[in-house]
Amino acid sequence: MALPPVDPDAPYFTKRFINLADERLGAKALECSDEFFAPLQRMLNPEPAVFIPGKYDAHGKWMDGWESRRKRVAGSDWGIIRLARPGRIYGVDIDTSHFTGNYAPAASIEGCDLSGDPDSTTKWFTILESTTLNGNSHHYLDITSDRKVSHLRINIYPDGGIARLRVFGRPAVDWEQVKPGELIDVAAADNGATIVAVNNEHFGLASNMLMPGRGVNMGDGWETRRLRQPGNDWCVIALAHSATIKKVEIDTAHFKGNYPDRCSLQASRVTGGTAQSIVTQCMFWPTLMAEQKLEMDKQHYFASELESIGRVTHVRLNIFPDGGVSRIRLWGEIV
């Protein structure tokens, strides 16, 4: 699997929040008005869209995304998606990569919050007003609605194609269902953990570390460039819920000649403040775990090595001096 490269021009929400429309997490295309040239589900593929010259199928040119036929009547096309997790959406990327003379000229997005799937009686609310699109481009768009969303309806005007739809948000979790003493991975993106800040992610996003499962390859993790000056690389994680951390996993899957030599953890209970103020504070946070030696391509588990510092809301992962980490798990007791 080839995962998206780091885009230096992408806005902050693409790096901080999980893609709730990622089919790897369970997002699913339910129905659409038309998918003659390319199916709606293909739009949810987390891999970058590709163009294969000379590839055709029974309906015409094969395109990596969703594409409806040319509309010959009034109206517009639409598709309905069940998100991998219900949650609050902070931004979207409507990607028309490789769609040039056949891209959708405009799109809007509606949402709903349901326990089941929508039907003809569902009342949709607007998430994104109709927005002009360009061909072969990423369209990074902020979402200001704070309503919880379980399903999306994307409308394209009047027809055409979209390569990828990425929906960046924070899952809504019912913490009341957690049993006393149960250990929860509060660093999991699908529980709501996010990256607050990171000093370098040249080869791979820090948010990859919060994804479920093990990394599929070296691109599916956090990897920094080679450090050529004193110091070390780091990232700060906002936990899904405040917790007392009891167990840690650091997974260097697929990182062999470029894994960090050592790692440590600092943590604190933070109330309020901006990302910048947290960056300023985090170098002075108490030690949760002193430096530990790491090995290549291995799951490392730590429990007895953890300090008792009580309830925390944020954790800073330090790697020495640089390198790549595939996944981090922080199991804690919810307070």
C-alpha atoms as a PDB file:
ATOM      1  CA  MET A   1       0.000   0.000   0.000  1.00  0.00           C
ATOM      2  CA  ALA A   2       1.315   3.430  -0.946  1.00  0.00           C
ATOM      3  CA  LEU A   3       0.102   5.934   1.606  1.00  0.00           C
ATOM      4  CA  PRO A   4      -0.189   9.699   0.964  1.00  0.00           C
ATOM      5  CA  PRO A   5       3.136  11.568   1.128  1.00  0.00           C
ATOM      6  CA  VAL A   6       3.546  14.481   3.496  1.00  0.00           C
ATOM      7  CA  ASP A   7       2.075  17.574   1.817  1.00  0.00           C
ATOM      8  CA  PRO A   8       3.866  20.673   3.172  1.00  0.00           C
ATOM      9  CA  ASP A   9       0.998  22.882   1.986  1.00  0.00           C
ATOM     10  CA  ALA A  10      -1.750  20.871   3.685  1.00  0.00           C
ATOM     11  CA  PRO A  11      -3.524  22.666   6.558  1.00  0.00           C
ATOM     12  CA  TYR A  12      -3.164  21.743  10.200  1.00  0.00           C
ATOM     13  CA  PHE A  13      -6.387  19.719  10.385  1.00  0.00           C
ATOM     14  CA  THR A  14      -5.002  17.128   7.934  1.00  0.00           C
ATOM     15  CA  LYS A  15      -2.107  16.416  10.287  1.00  0.00           C
ATOM     16  CA  ARG A  16      -3.928  16.578  13.593  1.00  0.00           C
ATOM     17  CA  PHE A  17      -7.140  14.640  12.962  1.00  0.00           C
ATOM     18  CA  ILE A  18      -8.056  11.183  11.681  1.00  0.00           C
ATOM     19  CA  ASN A  19      -9.654  10.636   8.267  1.00  0.00           C
ATOM     20  CA  LEU A  20     -13.133   9.449   9.211  1.00  0.00           C
ATOM     21  CA  ALA A  21     -13.793   8.503   5.564  1.00  0.00           C
ATOM     22  CA  ASP A  22     -10.908   6.010   5.445  1.00  0.00           C
ATOM     23  CA  GLU A  23     -12.124   2.627   4.227  1.00  0.00           C
ATOM     24  CA  ARG A  24      -9.336   0.958   6.270  1.00  0.00           C
ATOM     25  CA  LEU A  25     -11.243   2.078   9.379  1.00  0.00           C
ATOM     26  CA  GLY A  26     -14.595   0.907   8.036  1.00  0.00           C
ATOM     27  CA  ALA A  27     -15.954   3.873   6.083  1.00  0.00           C
ATOM     28  CA  LYS A  28     -18.364   2.641   3.430  1.00  0.00           C
ATOM     29  CA  ALA A  29     -20.108   3.994   0.340  1.00  0.00           C
ATOM     30  CA  LEU A  30     -23.816   3.209   0.719  1.00  0.00           C
ATOM     31  CA  GLU A  31     -25.503   4.501  -2.431  1.00  0.00           C
ATOM     32  CA  CYS A  32     -25.253   7.132  -5.117  1.00  0.00           C
ATOM     33  CA  SER A  33     -27.209   8.578  -8.012  1.00  0.00           C
ATOM     34  CA  ASP A  34     -24.732   7.317 -10.604  1.00  0.00           C
ATOM     35  CA  GLU A  35     -21.353   5.571 -10.730  1.00  0.00           C
ATOM     36  CA  PHE A  36     -21.234   4.585 -14.374  1.00  0.00           C
ATOM     37  CA  PHE A  37     -17.529   5.231 -14.949  1.00  0.00           C
ATOM     38  CA  ALA A  38     -16.083   4.623 -11.475  1.00  0.00           C
ATOM     39  CA  PRO A  39     -17.621   3.433  -8.164  1.00  0.00           C
ATOM     40  CA  LEU A  40     -18.252   5.665  -5.169  1.00  0.00           C
ATOM     41  CA  GLN A  41     -16.331   3.310  -2.835  1.00  0.00           C
ATOM     42  CA  ARG A  42     -13.116   3.941  -4.763  1.00  0.00           C
ATOM     43  CA  MET A  43     -13.236   7.550  -3.551  1.00  0.00           C
ATOM     44  CA  LEU A  44     -12.605   6.309   0.026  1.00  0.00           C
ATOM     45  CA  ASN A  45      -9.319   4.556  -0.774  1.00  0.00           C
ATOM     46  CA  PRO A  46      -6.620   6.006   1.550  1.00  0.00           C
ATOM     47  CA  GLU A  47      -3.901   5.588  -1.087  1.00  0.00           C
ATOM     48  CA  PRO A  48      -3.079   8.499  -3.418  1.00  0.00           C
ATOM     49  CA  ALA A  49      -5.068   8.408  -6.645  1.00  0.00           C
ATOM     50  CA  VAL A  50      -3.190   7.117  -9.680  1.00  0.00           C
ATOM     51  CA  PHE A  51      -3.586   7.511 -13.430  1.00  0.00           C
ATOM     52  CA  ILE A  52      -2.907   4.507 -15.671  1.00  0.00           C
ATOM     53  CA  PRO A  53      -2.566   5.490 -19.337  1.00  0.00           C
ATOM     54  CA  GLY A  54      -4.299   3.118 -21.703  1.00  0.00           C
ATOM     55  CA  LYS A  55      -6.343   1.341 -19.030  1.00  0.00           C
ATOM     56  CA  TYR A  56      -9.998   0.944 -20.018  1.00  0.00           C
ATOM     57  CA  ASP A  57     -12.889  -1.169 -18.781  1.00  0.00           C
ATOM     58  CA  ALA A  58     -16.319  -2.006 -20.179  1.00  0.00           C
ATOM     59  CA  HIS A  59     -17.591   1.516 -19.467  1.00  0.00           C
ATOM     60  CA  GLY A  60     -14.655   3.503 -20.805  1.00  0.00           C
ATOM     61  CA  LYS A  61     -11.473   5.010 -19.370  1.00  0.00           C
ATOM     62  CA  TRP A  62     -10.631   3.576 -15.953  1.00  0.00           C
ATOM     63  CA  MET A  63     -10.410   6.359 -13.360  1.00  0.00           C
ATOM     64  CA  ASP A  64      -9.209   6.103  -9.785  1.00  0.00           C
ATOM     65  CA  GLY A  65     -12.114   7.680  -7.928  1.00  0.00           C
ATOM     66  CA  TRP A  66     -15.857   8.196  -8.267  1.00  0.00           C
ATOM     67  CA  GLU A  67     -17.158   9.299 -11.674  1.00  0.00           C
ATOM     68  CA  SER A  68     -20.710   9.654 -12.909  1.00  0.00           C
ATOM     69  CA  ARG A  69     -21.783   9.735 -16.551  1.00  0.00           C
ATOM     70  CA  ARG A  70     -22.410  12.996 -18.434  1.00  0.00           C
ATOM     71  CA  LYS A  71     -25.774  14.314 -17.284  1.00  0.00           C
ATOM     72  CA  ARG A  72     -28.314  14.998 -20.040  1.00  0.00           C
ATOM     73  CA  VAL A  73     -31.174  16.086 -17.755  1.00  0.00           C
ATOM     74  CA  ALA A  74     -31.603  18.701 -15.047  1.00  0.00           C
ATOM     75  CA  GLY A  75     -30.259  17.961 -11.580  1.00  0.00           C
ATOM     76  CA  SER A  76     -27.033  16.874  -9.913  1.00  0.00           C
ATOM     77  CA  ASP A  77     -25.338  13.699  -8.759  1.00  0.00           C
ATOM     78  CA  TRP A  78     -24.820  12.613  -5.163  1.00  0.00           C
ATOM     79  CA  GLY A  79     -23.302   9.893  -3.025  1.00  0.00           C
ATOM     80  CA  ILE A  80     -23.931   8.798   0.575  1.00  0.00           C
ATOM     81  CA  ILE A  81     -21.108   7.608   2.833  1.00  0.00           C
ATOM     82  CA  ARG A  82     -21.155   6.012   6.269  1.00  0.00           C
ATOM     83  CA  LEU A  83     -18.175   7.340   8.190  1.00  0.00           C
ATOM     84  CA  ALA A  84     -15.861   4.925   9.964  1.00  0.00           C
ATOM     85  CA  ARG A  85     -16.753   6.598  13.274  1.00  0.00           C
ATOM     86  CA  PRO A  86     -19.358   9.259  14.109  1.00  0.00           C
ATOM     87  CA  GLY A  87     -17.633  12.453  15.137  1.00  0.00           C
ATOM     88  CA  ARG A  88     -16.992  16.153  14.815  1.00  0.00           C
ATOM     89  CA  ILE A  89     -15.519  17.213  11.448  1.00  0.00           C
ATOM     90  CA  TYR A  90     -12.869  19.939  11.271  1.00  0.00           C
ATOM     91  CA  GLY A  91     -11.964  19.894   7.583  1.00  0.00           C
ATOM     92  CA  VAL A  92     -12.173  17.984   4.306  1.00  0.00           C
ATOM     93  CA  ASP A  93     -10.007  17.375   1.272  1.00  0.00           C
ATOM     94  CA  ILE A  94     -11.954  17.072  -1.979  1.00  0.00           C
ATOM     95  CA  ASP A  95      -9.273  15.725  -4.280  1.00  0.00           C
ATOM     96  CA  THR A  96      -9.725  15.757  -8.061  1.00  0.00           C
ATOM     97  CA  SER A  97      -6.277  14.351  -8.891  1.00  0.00           C
ATOM     98  CA  HIS A  98      -6.054  13.158 -12.539  1.00  0.00           C
ATOM     99  CA  PHE A  99      -9.578  14.353 -13.305  1.00  0.00           C
ATOM    100  CA  THR A 100      -9.066  17.122 -15.874  1.00  0.00           C
ATOM    101  CA  GLY A 101     -11.822  17.353 -18.489  1.00  0.00           C
ATOM    102  CA  ASN A 102     -14.127  15.218 -16.379  1.00  0.00           C
ATOM    103  CA  TYR A 103     -13.927  16.626 -12.828  1.00  0.00           C
ATOM    104  CA  ALA A 104     -16.959  17.833 -10.900  1.00  0.00           C
ATOM    105  CA  PRO A 105     -17.091  21.654 -11.256  1.00  0.00           C
ATOM    106  CA  ALA A 106     -18.632  22.161  -7.810  1.00  0.00           C
ATOM    107  CA  ALA A 107     -19.545  20.190  -4.699  1.00  0.00           C
ATOM    108  CA  SER A 108     -21.378  20.540  -1.409  1.00  0.00           C
ATOM    109  CA  ILE A 109     -21.545  18.265   1.632  1.00  0.00           C
ATOM    110  CA  GLU A 110     -24.436  17.503   3.978  1.00  0.00           C
ATOM    111  CA  GLY A 111     -24.470  15.420   7.133  1.00  0.00           C
ATOM    112  CA  CYS A 112     -26.716  13.552   9.548  1.00  0.00           C
ATOM    113  CA  ASP A 113     -26.312  11.747  12.869  1.00  0.00           C
ATOM    114  CA  LEU A 114     -28.035   8.370  12.919  1.00  0.00           C
ATOM    115  CA  SER A 115     -27.661   5.053  14.711  1.00  0.00           C
ATOM    116  CA  GLY A 116     -28.699   3.249  11.506  1.00  0.00           C
ATOM    117  CA  ASP A 117     -28.312   4.212   7.861  1.00  0.00           C
ATOM    118  CA  PRO A 118     -30.204   7.083   6.189  1.00  0.00           C
ATOM    119  CA  ASP A 119     -33.304   6.611   4.044  1.00  0.00           C
ATOM    120  CA  SER A 120     -35.711   8.787   2.082  1.00  0.00           C
ATOM    121  CA  THR A 121     -37.028  10.406   5.286  1.00  0.00           C
ATOM    122  CA  THR A 122     -33.612  11.474   6.607  1.00  0.00           C
ATOM    123  CA  LYS A 123     -33.188  15.176   7.274  1.00  0.00           C
ATOM    124  CA  TRP A 124     -29.757  16.386   6.233  1.00  0.00           C
ATOM    125  CA  PHE A 125     -27.987  19.503   7.485  1.00  0.00           C
ATOM    126  CA  THR A 126     -25.395  21.522   5.580  1.00  0.00           C
ATOM    127  CA  ILE A 127     -21.744  20.986   6.428  1.00  0.00           C
ATOM    128  CA  LEU A 128     -20.184  22.645   3.379  1.00  0.00           C
ATOM    129  CA  GLU A 129     -21.941  25.056   1.036  1.00  0.00           C
ATOM    130  CA  SER A 130     -21.537  24.573  -2.702  1.00  0.00           C
ATOM    131  CA  THR A 131     -17.871  25.193  -3.504  1.00  0.00           C
ATOM    132  CA  THR A 132     -16.142  25.595  -6.856  1.00  0.00           C
ATOM    133  CA  LEU A 133     -13.649  22.855  -7.714  1.00  0.00           C
ATOM    134  CA  ASN A 134     -10.699  22.754 -10.094  1.00  0.00           C
ATOM    135  CA  GLY A 135      -9.351  19.802 -12.009  1.00  0.00           C
ATOM    136  CA  ASN A 136      -6.372  17.754 -10.797  1.00  0.00           C
ATOM    137  CA  SER A 137      -6.262  19.587  -7.446  1.00  0.00           C
ATOM    138  CA  HIS A 138      -6.595  19.160  -3.690  1.00  0.00           C
ATOM    139  CA  HIS A 139      -9.299  21.343  -2.144  1.00  0.00           C
ATOM    140  CA  TYR A 140      -8.631  21.728   1.585  1.00  0.00           C
ATOM    141  CA  LEU A 141     -11.752  23.200   3.181  1.00  0.00           C
ATOM    142  CA  ASP A 142     -12.401  24.096   6.822  1.00  0.00           C
ATOM    143  CA  ILE A 143     -15.637  22.895   8.411  1.00  0.00           C
ATOM    144  CA  THR A 144     -17.115  25.169  11.065  1.00  0.00           C
ATOM    145  CA  SER A 145     -20.127  23.055  12.070  1.00  0.00           C
ATOM    146  CA  ASP A 146     -19.695  21.502  15.521  1.00  0.00           C
ATOM    147  CA  ARG A 147     -22.477  18.932  15.093  1.00  0.00           C
ATOM    148  CA  LYS A 148     -21.748  15.220  15.381  1.00  0.00           C
ATOM    149  CA  VAL A 149     -21.926  13.443  12.027  1.00  0.00           C
ATOM    150  CA  SER A 150     -22.336   9.736  11.259  1.00  0.00           C
ATOM    151  CA  HIS A 151     -23.052   9.924   7.513  1.00  0.00           C
ATOM    152  CA  LEU A 152     -22.198  12.319   4.699  1.00  0.00           C
ATOM    153  CA  ARG A 153     -23.980  13.127   1.474  1.00  0.00           C
ATOM    154  CA  ILE A 154     -21.672  14.676  -1.117  1.00  0.00           C
ATOM    155  CA  ASN A 155     -23.394  16.483  -3.984  1.00  0.00           C
ATOM    156  CA  ILE A 156     -21.589  17.255  -7.249  1.00  0.00           C
ATOM    157  CA  TYR A 157     -22.888  19.821  -9.718  1.00  0.00           C
ATOM    158  CA  PRO A 158     -23.915  18.672 -12.207  1.00  0.00           C
ATOM    159  CA  ASP A 159     -21.814  15.513 -12.714  1.00  0.00           C
ATOM    160  CA  GLY A 160     -18.235  14.352 -13.113  1.00  0.00           C
ATOM    161  CA  GLY A 161     -15.518  12.844 -10.979  1.00  0.00           C
ATOM    162  CA  ILE A 162     -13.769  13.126  -7.619  1.00  0.00           C
ATOM    163  CA  ALA A 163     -10.629  11.096  -6.960  1.00  0.00           C
ATOM    164  CA  ARG A 164     -10.679  11.077  -3.163  1.00  0.00           C
ATOM    165  CA  LEU A 165     -12.753  12.449  -0.298  1.00  0.00           C
ATOM    166  CA  ARG A 166     -10.943  12.740   3.034  1.00  0.00           C
ATOM    167  CA  VAL A 167     -12.880  13.847   6.095  1.00  0.00           C
ATOM    168  CA  PHE A 168     -10.703  14.936   9.009  1.00  0.00           C
ATOM    169  CA  GLY A 169     -12.350  14.831  12.402  1.00  0.00           C
ATOM    170  CA  ARG A 170     -12.395  13.532  15.932  1.00  0.00           C
ATOM    171  CA  PRO A 171     -14.486  10.460  16.781  1.00  0.00           C
ATOM    172  CA  ALA A 172     -17.215  10.758  19.380  1.00  0.00           C
ATOM    173  CA  VAL A 173     -16.752   8.163  22.138  1.00  0.00           C
ATOM    174  CA  ASP A 174     -19.210   7.268  24.901  1.00  0.00           C
ATOM    175  CA  TRP A 175     -16.819   7.181  27.856  1.00  0.00           C
ATOM    176  CA  GLU A 176     -19.644   6.274  30.222  1.00  0.00           C
ATOM    177  CA  GLN A 177     -19.477   2.736  28.831  1.00  0.00           C
ATOM    178  CA  VAL A 178     -15.907   2.200  30.090  1.00  0.00           C
ATOM    179  CA  LYS A 179     -15.790  -0.192  33.050  1.00  0.00           C
ATOM    180  CA  PRO A 180     -13.859   0.737  36.222  1.00  0.00           C
ATOM    181  CA  GLY A 181     -10.256  -0.446  35.998  1.00  0.00           C
ATOM    182  CA  GLU A 182     -10.508  -1.211  32.271  1.00  0.00           C
ATOM    183  CA  LEU A 183      -7.407  -0.221  30.304  1.00  0.00           C
ATOM    184  CA  ILE A 184      -8.151   1.919  27.234  1.00  0.00           C
ATOM    185  CA  ASP A 185      -5.710   2.959  24.510  1.00  0.00           C
ATOM    186  CA  VAL A 186      -5.970   6.709  24.968  1.00  0.00           C
ATOM    187  CA  ALA A 187      -3.443   7.281  22.146  1.00  0.00           C
ATOM    188  CA  ALA A 188      -5.735   5.672  19.548  1.00  0.00           C
ATOM    189  CA  ALA A 189      -7.032   7.989  16.870  1.00  0.00           C
ATOM    190  CA  ASP A 190     -10.295   6.070  16.690  1.00  0.00           C
ATOM    191  CA  ASN A 191     -10.814   6.877  20.379  1.00  0.00           C
ATOM    192  CA  GLY A 192     -10.173  10.565  19.690  1.00  0.00           C
ATOM    193  CA  ALA A 193      -6.440  11.055  20.328  1.00  0.00           C
ATOM    194  CA  THR A 194      -4.771  13.702  18.165  1.00  0.00           C
ATOM    195  CA  ILE A 195      -1.338  15.131  17.440  1.00  0.00           C
ATOM    196  CA  VAL A 196      -0.907  18.617  18.915  1.00  0.00           C
ATOM    197  CA  ALA A 197       2.588  19.390  17.664  1.00  0.00           C
ATOM    198  CA  VAL A 198       5.633  17.721  16.149  1.00  0.00           C
ATOM    199  CA  ASN A 199       9.056  19.089  15.377  1.00  0.00           C
ATOM    200  CA  ASN A 200       9.594  17.178  12.126  1.00  0.00           C
ATOM    201  CA  GLU A 201       7.662  14.747   9.920  1.00  0.00           C
ATOM    202  CA  HIS A 202       9.673  14.884   6.734  1.00  0.00           C
ATOM    203  CA  PHE A 203       8.986  11.304   5.607  1.00  0.00           C
ATOM    204  CA  GLY A 204       5.800  10.381   7.496  1.00  0.00           C
ATOM    205  CA  LEU A 205       3.046  12.043   9.515  1.00  0.00           C
ATOM    206  CA  ALA A 206       3.068  11.674  13.288  1.00  0.00           C
ATOM    207  CA  SER A 207      -0.688  11.034  13.144  1.00  0.00           C
ATOM    208  CA  ASN A 208       0.064   7.673  11.475  1.00  0.00           C
ATOM    209  CA  MET A 209       1.272   6.416  14.872  1.00  0.00           C
ATOM    210  CA  LEU A 210      -2.247   6.727  16.261  1.00  0.00           C
ATOM    211  CA  MET A 211      -3.874   4.543  13.597  1.00  0.00           C
ATOM    212  CA  PRO A 212      -5.245   1.071  14.381  1.00  0.00           C
ATOM    213  CA  GLY A 213      -3.380  -2.124  13.538  1.00  0.00           C
ATOM    214  CA  ARG A 214       0.291  -2.421  12.716  1.00  0.00           C
ATOM    215  CA  GLY A 215       1.873  -0.297  10.009  1.00  0.00           C
ATOM    216  CA  VAL A 216       1.633  -1.759   6.511  1.00  0.00           C
ATOM    217  CA  ASN A 217       5.031  -0.428   5.413  1.00  0.00           C
ATOM    218  CA  MET A 218       7.670   2.151   6.286  1.00  0.00           C
ATOM    219  CA  GLY A 219       5.488   4.939   4.887  1.00  0.00           C
ATOM    220  CA  ASP A 220       2.732   4.114   7.371  1.00  0.00           C
ATOM    221  CA  GLY A 221       4.357   5.678  10.422  1.00  0.00           C
ATOM    222  CA  TRP A 222       6.083   8.787  11.741  1.00  0.00           C
ATOM    223  CA  GLU A 223       9.525   9.309  10.279  1.00  0.00           C
ATOM    224  CA  THR A 224      11.775  12.333  10.656  1.00  0.00           C
ATOM    225  CA  ARG A 225      14.699  13.373   8.493  1.00  0.00           C
ATOM    226  CA  ARG A 226      18.239  12.629   9.645  1.00  0.00           C
ATOM    227  CA  LEU A 227      19.144  14.990  12.481  1.00  0.00           C
ATOM    228  CA  ARG A 228      22.409  16.816  11.759  1.00  0.00           C
ATOM    229  CA  GLN A 229      22.639  18.924  14.909  1.00  0.00           C
ATOM    230  CA  PRO A 230      22.441  18.310  18.672  1.00  0.00           C
ATOM    231  CA  GLY A 231      19.051  17.432  20.140  1.00  0.00           C
ATOM    232  CA  ASN A 232      16.308  14.955  19.390  1.00  0.00           C
ATOM    233  CA  ASP A 233      12.959  14.717  17.612  1.00  0.00           C
ATOM    234  CA  TRP A 234       9.614  14.749  19.431  1.00  0.00           C
ATOM    235  CA  CYS A 235       5.853  14.937  19.107  1.00  0.00           C
ATOM    236  CA  VAL A 236       3.044  15.817  21.516  1.00  0.00           C
ATOM    237  CA  ILE A 237      -0.145  13.737  21.688  1.00  0.00           C
ATOM    238  CA  ALA A 238      -3.443  14.978  23.122  1.00  0.00           C
ATOM    239  CA  LEU A 239      -4.944  11.874  24.701  1.00  0.00           C
ATOM    240  CA  ALA A 240      -8.462  10.800  23.861  1.00  0.00           C
ATOM    241  CA  HIS A 241      -9.328  11.115  27.568  1.00  0.00           C
ATOM    242  CA  SER A 242      -7.438  11.962  30.719  1.00  0.00           C
ATOM    243  CA  ALA A 243      -5.993   8.793  32.203  1.00  0.00           C
ATOM    244  CA  THR A 244      -3.376   7.223  34.423  1.00  0.00           C
ATOM    245  CA  ILE A 245      -1.022   5.471  32.006  1.00  0.00           C
ATOM    246  CA  LYS A 246      -0.305   1.857  32.992  1.00  0.00           C
ATOM    247  CA  LYS A 247       1.199   0.285  29.862  1.00  0.00           C
ATOM    248  CA  VAL A 248       2.987   1.525  26.726  1.00  0.00           C
ATOM    249  CA  GLU A 249       3.772   0.019  23.336  1.00  0.00           C
ATOM    250  CA  ILE A 250       6.297   1.516  20.921  1.00  0.00           C
ATOM    251  CA  ASP A 251       6.235  -0.309  17.588  1.00  0.00           C
ATOM    252  CA  THR A 252       9.068   0.164  15.074  1.00  0.00           C
ATOM    253  CA  ALA A 253       7.511  -2.133  12.441  1.00  0.00           C
ATOM    254  CA  HIS A 254       9.314  -1.876   9.068  1.00  0.00           C
ATOM    255  CA  PHE A 255      11.875   0.597  10.429  1.00  0.00           C
ATOM    256  CA  LYS A 256      15.205  -1.209  10.228  1.00  0.00           C
ATOM    257  CA  GLY A 257      18.101   1.026   9.212  1.00  0.00           C
ATOM    258  CA  ASN A 258      16.248   4.091  10.438  1.00  0.00           C
ATOM    259  CA  TYR A 259      14.574   3.261  13.759  1.00  0.00           C
ATOM    260  CA  PRO A 260      15.309   5.527  16.775  1.00  0.00           C
ATOM    261  CA  ASP A 261      18.086   4.357  19.046  1.00  0.00           C
ATOM    262  CA  ARG A 262      16.102   5.241  22.190  1.00  0.00           C
ATOM    263  CA  CYS A 263      12.849   6.834  23.292  1.00  0.00           C
ATOM    264  CA  SER A 264      11.379   8.463  26.389  1.00  0.00           C
ATOM    265  CA  LEU A 265       8.010   9.827  27.471  1.00  0.00           C
ATOM    266  CA  GLN A 266       7.003  12.973  29.304  1.00  0.00           C
ATOM    267  CA  ALA A 267       3.433  13.741  30.329  1.00  0.00           C
ATOM    268  CA  SER A 268       1.262  16.318  32.028  1.00  0.00           C
ATOM    269  CA  ARG A 269      -2.275  17.310  32.839  1.00  0.00           C
ATOM    270  CA  VAL A 270      -3.008  20.331  30.656  1.00  0.00           C
ATOM    271  CA  THR A 271      -6.036  22.583  30.945  1.00  0.00           C
ATOM    272  CA  GLY A 272      -6.569  25.161  28.226  1.00  0.00           C
ATOM    273  CA  GLY A 273      -3.806  26.756  26.238  1.00  0.00           C
ATOM    274  CA  THR A 274      -2.914  26.790  22.561  1.00  0.00           C
ATOM    275  CA  ALA A 275      -0.757  24.356  20.619  1.00  0.00           C
ATOM    276  CA  GLN A 276       2.089  26.862  20.790  1.00  0.00           C
ATOM    277  CA  SER A 277       1.806  27.259  24.552  1.00  0.00           C
ATOM    278  CA  ILE A 278       1.852  23.462  24.933  1.00  0.00           C
ATOM    279  CA  VAL A 279       5.020  23.276  22.829  1.00  0.00           C
ATOM    280  CA  THR A 280       6.612  25.846  25.129  1.00  0.00           C
ATOM    281  CA  GLN A 281       5.644  23.882  28.261  1.00  0.00           C
ATOM    282  CA  CYS A 282       6.215  20.294  27.153  1.00  0.00           C
ATOM    283  CA  MET A 283      10.004  20.243  27.427  1.00  0.00           C
ATOM    284  CA  PHE A 284       9.576  20.727  31.191  1.00  0.00           C
ATOM    285  CA  TRP A 285       6.882  18.096  31.762  1.00  0.00           C
ATOM    286  CA  PRO A 286       7.522  15.295  34.299  1.00  0.00           C
ATOM    287  CA  THR A 287       9.074  12.073  33.044  1.00  0.00           C
ATOM    288  CA  LEU A 288       6.588   9.276  32.490  1.00  0.00           C
ATOM    289  CA  MET A 289       9.225   6.898  31.148  1.00  0.00           C
ATOM    290  CA  ALA A 290      12.987   7.398  31.187  1.00  0.00           C
ATOM    291  CA  GLU A 291      15.029   6.641  28.076  1.00  0.00           C
ATOM    292  CA  GLN A 292      14.598   3.069  26.841  1.00  0.00           C
ATOM    293  CA  LYS A 293      16.600   1.253  24.167  1.00  0.00           C
ATOM    294  CA  LEU A 294      14.726   0.374  20.982  1.00  0.00           C
ATOM    295  CA  GLU A 295      15.280  -2.276  18.335  1.00  0.00           C
ATOM    296  CA  MET A 296      14.429  -2.419  14.670  1.00  0.00           C
ATOM    297  CA  ASP A 297      11.094  -3.737  13.387  1.00  0.00           C
ATOM    298  CA  LYS A 298       9.799  -4.713  16.822  1.00  0.00           C
ATOM    299  CA  GLN A 299       6.916  -4.158  19.242  1.00  0.00           C
ATOM    300  CA  HIS A 300       8.327  -2.879  22.553  1.00  0.00           C
ATOM    301  CA  TYR A 301       6.176  -3.085  25.704  1.00  0.00           C
ATOM    302  CA  PHE A 302       6.792  -1.118  28.895  1.00  0.00           C
ATOM    303  CA  ALA A 303       4.933  -1.203  32.199  1.00  0.00           C
ATOM    304  CA  SER A 304       7.296  -1.468  35.164  1.00  0.00           C
ATOM    305  CA  GLU A 305       9.421   1.251  33.549  1.00  0.00           C
ATOM    306  CA  LEU A 306       6.621   3.838  33.954  1.00  0.00           C
ATOM    307  CA  GLU A 307       6.703   6.463  36.691  1.00  0.00           C
ATOM    308  CA  SER A 308       3.645   7.146  38.856  1.00  0.00           C
ATOM    309  CA  ILE A 309       2.745  10.712  37.942  1.00  0.00           C
ATOM    310  CA  GLY A 310      -1.044  10.429  38.157  1.00  0.00           C
ATOM    311  CA  ARG A 311      -3.653  11.543  35.676  1.00  0.00           C
ATOM    312  CA  VAL A 312      -2.430  13.129  32.444  1.00  0.00           C
ATOM    313  CA  THR A 313      -4.035  14.594  29.339  1.00  0.00           C
ATOM    314  CA  HIS A 314      -0.983  14.973  27.061  1.00  0.00           C
ATOM    315  CA  VAL A 315       2.111  12.888  26.353  1.00  0.00           C
ATOM    316  CA  ARG A 316       5.330  13.925  24.663  1.00  0.00           C
ATOM    317  CA  LEU A 317       7.201  11.162  22.818  1.00  0.00           C
ATOM    318  CA  ASN A 318      10.927  11.825  22.475  1.00  0.00           C
ATOM    319  CA  ILE A 319      13.014   9.794  20.035  1.00  0.00           C
ATOM    320  CA  PHE A 320      16.824   9.845  20.130  1.00  0.00           C
ATOM    321  CA  PRO A 321      18.155  11.186  17.985  1.00  0.00           C
ATOM    322  CA  ASP A 322      15.760  10.744  15.036  1.00  0.00           C
ATOM    323  CA  GLY A 323      14.130   8.022  12.925  1.00  0.00           C
ATOM    324  CA  GLY A 324      10.811   6.280  12.528  1.00  0.00           C
ATOM    325  CA  VAL A 325       8.087   4.890  14.798  1.00  0.00           C
ATOM    326  CA  SER A 326       5.182   2.968  13.314  1.00  0.00           C
ATOM    327  CA  ARG A 327       2.694   2.977  16.219  1.00  0.00           C
ATOM    328  CA  ILE A 328       2.379   4.131  19.820  1.00  0.00           C
ATOM    329  CA  ARG A 329      -0.157   2.708  22.271  1.00  0.00           C
ATOM    330  CA  LEU A 330      -0.806   4.256  25.678  1.00  0.00           C
ATOM    331  CA  TRP A 331      -3.114   2.129  27.790  1.00  0.00           C
ATOM    332  CA  GLY A 332      -4.554   3.907  30.778  1.00  0.00           C
ATOM    333  CA  GLU A 333      -7.292   3.891  33.388  1.00  0.00           C
ATOM    334  CA  ILE A 334      -9.910   6.500  32.617  1.00  0.00           C
ATOM    335  CA  VAL A 335     -10.640   9.052  35.309  1.00  0.00           C
END
